């Protein structure tokens, strides 16, 4: 897999760091791995640091990432993504939200943490 994931737990939040080349197949697998880790730790809040991931090859790659996230992380989960302005165009986030996922994106970790604490 061209995408690397590292995990740590801070209180009731799963911290996920994702890096590497963003391909549709590898992101599909990475999202599945993140869900498995959240289940294993019995956590429903995630802070995903995606600043180390590359630009995807196409908008369809973003679309499939949003669909996969929503399939595995339904509304019971809350996920804050920290990303870079050059990487983020909002499409994957919109796709996931339109399918019921509870997600938000930020360019700094502090507001992401604050959003996760809000109910």
N, C-alpha and C. Protein backbone atom coordinates (compact mmCIF):
# COMPACT_ATOMS: atom_id res chain seq x y z
N UNK A 1 0.86 -1.18 0.00
CA UNK A 1 0.00 0.00 0.00
C UNK A 1 0.89 1.24 0.00
N UNK A 2 0.60 2.17 -0.88
CA UNK A 2 1.38 3.40 -1.00
C UNK A 2 1.04 4.42 0.09
N UNK A 3 -0.03 4.18 0.82
CA UNK A 3 -0.43 5.07 1.90
C UNK A 3 0.01 4.45 3.22
N UNK A 4 0.60 5.28 4.07
CA UNK A 4 1.00 4.84 5.40
C UNK A 4 0.07 5.46 6.43
N UNK A 5 -0.27 4.66 7.44
CA UNK A 5 -1.12 5.11 8.54
C UNK A 5 -0.40 4.88 9.85
N UNK A 6 -0.49 5.86 10.73
CA UNK A 6 -0.04 5.67 12.11
C UNK A 6 -1.18 6.11 13.02
N UNK A 7 -1.28 5.44 14.16
CA UNK A 7 -2.38 5.70 15.08
C UNK A 7 -1.83 5.97 16.48
N UNK A 8 -2.57 6.78 17.19
CA UNK A 8 -2.38 6.92 18.62
C UNK A 8 -3.71 7.37 19.21
N UNK A 9 -3.86 7.17 20.48
CA UNK A 9 -5.11 7.53 21.14
C UNK A 9 -4.84 8.64 22.14
N UNK A 10 -5.65 9.67 22.07
CA UNK A 10 -5.63 10.75 23.05
C UNK A 10 -7.01 10.83 23.66
N UNK A 11 -7.12 10.40 24.90
CA UNK A 11 -8.40 10.36 25.59
C UNK A 11 -9.37 9.53 24.76
N UNK A 12 -10.46 10.13 24.30
CA UNK A 12 -11.47 9.38 23.53
C UNK A 12 -11.39 9.68 22.03
N UNK A 13 -10.23 10.10 21.55
CA UNK A 13 -10.05 10.44 20.13
C UNK A 13 -8.95 9.55 19.53
N UNK A 14 -9.28 8.96 18.38
CA UNK A 14 -8.28 8.23 17.62
C UNK A 14 -7.57 9.22 16.70
N UNK A 15 -6.27 9.36 16.90
CA UNK A 15 -5.45 10.24 16.08
C UNK A 15 -4.89 9.38 14.95
N UNK A 16 -5.18 9.78 13.72
CA UNK A 16 -4.74 9.03 12.54
C UNK A 16 -3.86 9.95 11.71
N UNK A 17 -2.64 9.53 11.45
CA UNK A 17 -1.77 10.28 10.54
C UNK A 17 -1.67 9.48 9.25
N UNK A 18 -1.99 10.14 8.15
CA UNK A 18 -1.99 9.48 6.85
C UNK A 18 -1.00 10.19 5.94
N UNK A 19 -0.20 9.40 5.26
CA UNK A 19 0.78 9.99 4.35
C UNK A 19 1.00 9.04 3.17
N UNK A 20 1.59 9.59 2.12
CA UNK A 20 1.90 8.78 0.94
C UNK A 20 1.09 9.20 -0.27
N UNK A 21 1.16 8.36 -1.30
CA UNK A 21 0.51 8.65 -2.57
C UNK A 21 -0.97 8.26 -2.50
N UNK A 22 -1.83 9.21 -2.81
CA UNK A 22 -3.28 9.00 -2.76
C UNK A 22 -3.76 8.40 -4.07
N UNK A 23 -4.00 7.10 -4.04
CA UNK A 23 -4.65 6.41 -5.16
C UNK A 23 -6.00 5.91 -4.67
N UNK A 24 -6.92 5.68 -5.58
CA UNK A 24 -8.26 5.23 -5.19
C UNK A 24 -8.19 3.92 -4.41
N UNK A 25 -7.43 2.96 -4.91
CA UNK A 25 -7.35 1.65 -4.27
C UNK A 25 -6.73 1.75 -2.88
N UNK A 26 -5.61 2.45 -2.78
CA UNK A 26 -4.93 2.55 -1.49
C UNK A 26 -5.74 3.35 -0.46
N UNK A 27 -6.44 4.39 -0.91
CA UNK A 27 -7.27 5.15 0.02
C UNK A 27 -8.45 4.30 0.48
N UNK A 28 -9.00 3.51 -0.40
CA UNK A 28 -10.08 2.59 -0.04
C UNK A 28 -9.62 1.67 1.10
N UNK A 29 -8.45 1.10 0.94
CA UNK A 29 -7.89 0.22 1.97
C UNK A 29 -7.56 0.98 3.25
N UNK A 30 -7.03 2.18 3.12
CA UNK A 30 -6.66 2.98 4.29
C UNK A 30 -7.89 3.35 5.11
N UNK A 31 -8.96 3.71 4.46
CA UNK A 31 -10.19 4.06 5.18
C UNK A 31 -10.73 2.83 5.91
N UNK A 32 -10.66 1.68 5.27
CA UNK A 32 -11.06 0.44 5.94
C UNK A 32 -10.19 0.12 7.15
N UNK A 33 -8.89 0.36 7.02
CA UNK A 33 -7.98 0.13 8.14
C UNK A 33 -8.27 1.08 9.29
N UNK A 34 -8.58 2.33 8.98
CA UNK A 34 -8.91 3.31 10.04
C UNK A 34 -10.18 2.90 10.77
N UNK A 35 -11.16 2.40 10.03
CA UNK A 35 -12.40 1.94 10.67
C UNK A 35 -12.11 0.75 11.58
N UNK A 36 -11.29 -0.19 11.14
CA UNK A 36 -10.94 -1.35 11.96
C UNK A 36 -10.24 -0.91 13.24
N UNK A 37 -9.35 0.07 13.13
CA UNK A 37 -8.64 0.58 14.31
C UNK A 37 -9.61 1.27 15.27
N UNK A 38 -10.53 2.06 14.74
CA UNK A 38 -11.53 2.73 15.59
C UNK A 38 -12.40 1.69 16.30
N UNK A 39 -12.79 0.64 15.60
CA UNK A 39 -13.58 -0.42 16.22
C UNK A 39 -12.80 -1.14 17.31
N UNK A 40 -11.55 -1.45 17.02
CA UNK A 40 -10.72 -2.17 18.00
C UNK A 40 -10.58 -1.36 19.28
N UNK A 41 -10.44 -0.05 19.15
CA UNK A 41 -10.27 0.81 20.33
C UNK A 41 -11.59 1.33 20.88
N UNK A 42 -12.68 0.99 20.20
CA UNK A 42 -14.03 1.42 20.60
C UNK A 42 -14.12 2.95 20.67
N UNK A 43 -13.66 3.61 19.61
CA UNK A 43 -13.67 5.07 19.54
C UNK A 43 -14.54 5.53 18.38
N UNK A 44 -15.26 6.62 18.58
CA UNK A 44 -16.12 7.16 17.54
C UNK A 44 -15.69 8.55 17.09
N UNK A 45 -14.65 9.10 17.70
CA UNK A 45 -14.12 10.41 17.29
C UNK A 45 -12.73 10.21 16.71
N UNK A 46 -12.50 10.81 15.54
CA UNK A 46 -11.20 10.68 14.87
C UNK A 46 -10.69 12.05 14.47
N UNK A 47 -9.40 12.25 14.67
CA UNK A 47 -8.71 13.41 14.12
C UNK A 47 -7.72 12.86 13.11
N UNK A 48 -7.96 13.16 11.84
CA UNK A 48 -7.17 12.60 10.75
C UNK A 48 -6.25 13.68 10.20
N UNK A 49 -4.96 13.50 10.41
CA UNK A 49 -3.97 14.44 9.88
C UNK A 49 -3.58 13.96 8.49
N UNK A 50 -4.12 14.63 7.48
CA UNK A 50 -3.89 14.23 6.09
C UNK A 50 -2.92 15.16 5.38
N UNK A 51 -2.14 15.90 6.14
CA UNK A 51 -1.23 16.86 5.51
C UNK A 51 -0.08 16.18 4.77
N UNK A 52 0.15 14.90 5.01
CA UNK A 52 1.25 14.20 4.36
C UNK A 52 0.85 13.38 3.15
N UNK A 53 -0.41 13.48 2.74
CA UNK A 53 -0.87 12.71 1.59
C UNK A 53 -0.74 13.57 0.33
N UNK A 54 -0.52 12.91 -0.80
CA UNK A 54 -0.36 13.62 -2.07
C UNK A 54 -1.70 14.06 -2.63
N UNK A 55 -1.65 14.87 -3.65
CA UNK A 55 -2.86 15.18 -4.41
C UNK A 55 -3.33 13.91 -5.11
N UNK A 56 -4.64 13.71 -5.20
CA UNK A 56 -5.12 12.53 -5.93
C UNK A 56 -4.96 12.75 -7.43
N UNK A 57 -5.01 11.67 -8.17
CA UNK A 57 -4.83 11.75 -9.61
C UNK A 57 -6.01 12.34 -10.35
N UNK A 58 -7.21 12.28 -9.74
CA UNK A 58 -8.40 12.79 -10.41
C UNK A 58 -9.48 13.13 -9.38
N UNK A 59 -10.50 13.81 -9.86
CA UNK A 59 -11.64 14.11 -8.99
C UNK A 59 -12.42 12.84 -8.66
N UNK A 60 -12.38 11.85 -9.53
CA UNK A 60 -13.05 10.59 -9.22
C UNK A 60 -12.40 9.91 -8.01
N UNK A 61 -11.10 10.06 -7.86
CA UNK A 61 -10.41 9.51 -6.70
C UNK A 61 -10.94 10.17 -5.42
N UNK A 62 -11.13 11.48 -5.46
CA UNK A 62 -11.73 12.18 -4.32
C UNK A 62 -13.15 11.66 -4.06
N UNK A 63 -13.92 11.52 -5.13
CA UNK A 63 -15.29 11.04 -5.00
C UNK A 63 -15.34 9.69 -4.30
N UNK A 64 -14.53 8.75 -4.77
CA UNK A 64 -14.54 7.41 -4.18
C UNK A 64 -14.10 7.43 -2.72
N UNK A 65 -13.19 8.33 -2.36
CA UNK A 65 -12.79 8.45 -0.96
C UNK A 65 -13.96 8.92 -0.10
N UNK A 66 -14.70 9.89 -0.59
CA UNK A 66 -15.87 10.37 0.15
C UNK A 66 -16.94 9.31 0.31
N UNK A 67 -17.18 8.55 -0.75
CA UNK A 67 -18.16 7.46 -0.69
C UNK A 67 -17.72 6.41 0.31
N UNK A 68 -16.47 6.00 0.23
CA UNK A 68 -15.96 4.96 1.14
C UNK A 68 -16.03 5.41 2.59
N UNK A 69 -15.65 6.68 2.85
CA UNK A 69 -15.71 7.18 4.22
C UNK A 69 -17.14 7.08 4.75
N UNK A 70 -18.10 7.54 3.97
CA UNK A 70 -19.50 7.52 4.41
C UNK A 70 -20.02 6.09 4.59
N UNK A 71 -19.56 5.17 3.76
CA UNK A 71 -19.99 3.77 3.89
C UNK A 71 -19.55 3.18 5.22
N UNK A 72 -18.34 3.51 5.64
CA UNK A 72 -17.77 2.89 6.85
C UNK A 72 -17.94 3.72 8.11
N UNK A 73 -18.00 5.02 7.97
CA UNK A 73 -18.11 5.90 9.13
C UNK A 73 -19.43 6.65 9.08
N UNK A 74 -20.49 5.96 9.48
CA UNK A 74 -21.81 6.58 9.47
C UNK A 74 -21.90 7.68 10.52
N UNK A 75 -23.07 8.25 10.70
CA UNK A 75 -23.24 9.46 11.53
C UNK A 75 -22.84 9.28 12.99
N UNK A 76 -22.76 8.06 13.49
CA UNK A 76 -22.33 7.85 14.88
C UNK A 76 -20.88 8.30 15.09
N UNK A 77 -20.09 8.28 14.02
CA UNK A 77 -18.69 8.70 14.07
C UNK A 77 -18.60 10.19 13.79
N UNK A 78 -17.55 10.80 14.33
CA UNK A 78 -17.26 12.22 14.10
C UNK A 78 -15.79 12.30 13.73
N UNK A 79 -15.50 12.88 12.56
CA UNK A 79 -14.12 12.92 12.08
C UNK A 79 -13.75 14.33 11.65
N UNK A 80 -12.64 14.80 12.18
CA UNK A 80 -12.07 16.09 11.78
C UNK A 80 -10.80 15.81 10.99
N UNK A 81 -10.72 16.35 9.79
CA UNK A 81 -9.56 16.19 8.93
C UNK A 81 -8.74 17.47 8.96
N UNK A 82 -7.44 17.32 9.16
CA UNK A 82 -6.51 18.45 9.07
C UNK A 82 -5.75 18.26 7.77
N UNK A 83 -5.82 19.26 6.91
CA UNK A 83 -5.23 19.13 5.59
C UNK A 83 -4.55 20.43 5.18
N UNK A 84 -3.94 20.41 4.03
CA UNK A 84 -3.27 21.58 3.48
C UNK A 84 -4.19 22.29 2.49
N UNK A 85 -4.17 23.61 2.46
CA UNK A 85 -5.02 24.33 1.50
C UNK A 85 -4.80 23.91 0.05
N UNK A 86 -3.58 23.59 -0.32
CA UNK A 86 -3.31 23.19 -1.70
C UNK A 86 -3.89 21.81 -2.03
N UNK A 87 -4.12 21.00 -1.02
CA UNK A 87 -4.65 19.65 -1.21
C UNK A 87 -6.18 19.64 -1.20
N UNK A 88 -6.78 20.53 -0.46
CA UNK A 88 -8.21 20.48 -0.17
C UNK A 88 -9.03 21.29 -1.17
N UNK A 89 -10.04 20.64 -1.76
CA UNK A 89 -11.01 21.39 -2.57
C UNK A 89 -12.44 21.16 -2.09
N UNK A 90 -12.64 20.33 -1.07
CA UNK A 90 -13.95 20.13 -0.48
C UNK A 90 -14.80 19.04 -1.11
N UNK A 91 -14.36 18.47 -2.22
CA UNK A 91 -15.21 17.52 -2.93
C UNK A 91 -15.42 16.23 -2.14
N UNK A 92 -14.37 15.59 -1.66
CA UNK A 92 -14.52 14.35 -0.89
C UNK A 92 -15.36 14.59 0.37
N UNK A 93 -15.14 15.73 1.01
CA UNK A 93 -15.91 16.10 2.20
C UNK A 93 -17.40 16.22 1.86
N UNK A 94 -17.71 16.90 0.79
CA UNK A 94 -19.09 17.07 0.36
C UNK A 94 -19.75 15.73 0.03
N UNK A 95 -19.03 14.88 -0.66
CA UNK A 95 -19.54 13.55 -1.01
C UNK A 95 -19.85 12.77 0.27
N UNK A 96 -18.94 12.78 1.22
CA UNK A 96 -19.14 12.06 2.48
C UNK A 96 -20.33 12.63 3.26
N UNK A 97 -20.39 13.95 3.37
CA UNK A 97 -21.51 14.58 4.09
C UNK A 97 -22.85 14.28 3.44
N UNK A 98 -22.89 14.33 2.12
CA UNK A 98 -24.14 14.06 1.41
C UNK A 98 -24.63 12.63 1.61
N UNK A 99 -23.73 11.76 2.06
CA UNK A 99 -24.09 10.37 2.32
C UNK A 99 -24.22 10.09 3.81
N UNK A 100 -24.26 11.15 4.63
CA UNK A 100 -24.55 11.00 6.05
C UNK A 100 -23.37 11.02 7.00
N UNK A 101 -22.15 11.17 6.50
CA UNK A 101 -20.98 11.18 7.39
C UNK A 101 -20.90 12.50 8.15
N UNK A 102 -20.43 12.43 9.37
CA UNK A 102 -20.26 13.60 10.23
C UNK A 102 -18.78 13.99 10.18
N UNK A 103 -18.41 14.81 9.20
CA UNK A 103 -17.02 15.16 8.95
C UNK A 103 -16.87 16.67 8.77
N UNK A 104 -15.66 17.13 9.06
CA UNK A 104 -15.31 18.55 8.84
C UNK A 104 -13.83 18.59 8.49
N UNK A 105 -13.43 19.66 7.81
CA UNK A 105 -12.03 19.83 7.41
C UNK A 105 -11.50 21.14 7.94
N UNK A 106 -10.21 21.13 8.31
CA UNK A 106 -9.54 22.28 8.88
C UNK A 106 -8.12 22.36 8.35
N UNK A 107 -7.54 23.54 8.43
CA UNK A 107 -6.15 23.73 8.01
C UNK A 107 -5.22 23.84 9.20
N UNK A 108 -5.78 23.73 10.41
CA UNK A 108 -4.99 23.79 11.64
C UNK A 108 -5.60 22.82 12.64
N UNK A 109 -4.77 22.25 13.47
CA UNK A 109 -5.23 21.21 14.39
C UNK A 109 -6.09 21.74 15.53
N UNK A 110 -5.83 22.95 16.02
CA UNK A 110 -6.57 23.48 17.17
C UNK A 110 -8.08 23.56 16.89
N UNK A 111 -8.52 24.17 15.79
CA UNK A 111 -9.97 24.19 15.55
C UNK A 111 -10.55 22.80 15.29
N UNK A 112 -9.76 21.90 14.75
CA UNK A 112 -10.23 20.53 14.54
C UNK A 112 -10.52 19.87 15.88
N UNK A 113 -9.61 20.04 16.82
CA UNK A 113 -9.81 19.48 18.17
C UNK A 113 -11.05 20.08 18.84
N UNK A 114 -11.20 21.38 18.68
CA UNK A 114 -12.37 22.06 19.28
C UNK A 114 -13.66 21.53 18.69
N UNK A 115 -13.70 21.36 17.38
CA UNK A 115 -14.90 20.85 16.71
C UNK A 115 -15.23 19.44 17.21
N UNK A 116 -14.23 18.61 17.42
CA UNK A 116 -14.47 17.26 17.90
C UNK A 116 -15.08 17.25 19.30
N UNK A 117 -14.73 18.24 20.11
CA UNK A 117 -15.25 18.31 21.48
C UNK A 117 -16.69 18.79 21.53
N UNK A 118 -17.14 19.49 20.51
CA UNK A 118 -18.51 19.97 20.46
C UNK A 118 -19.43 18.81 20.14
N UNK A 119 -20.57 18.80 20.74
CA UNK A 119 -21.51 17.71 20.44
C UNK A 119 -22.57 18.17 19.57
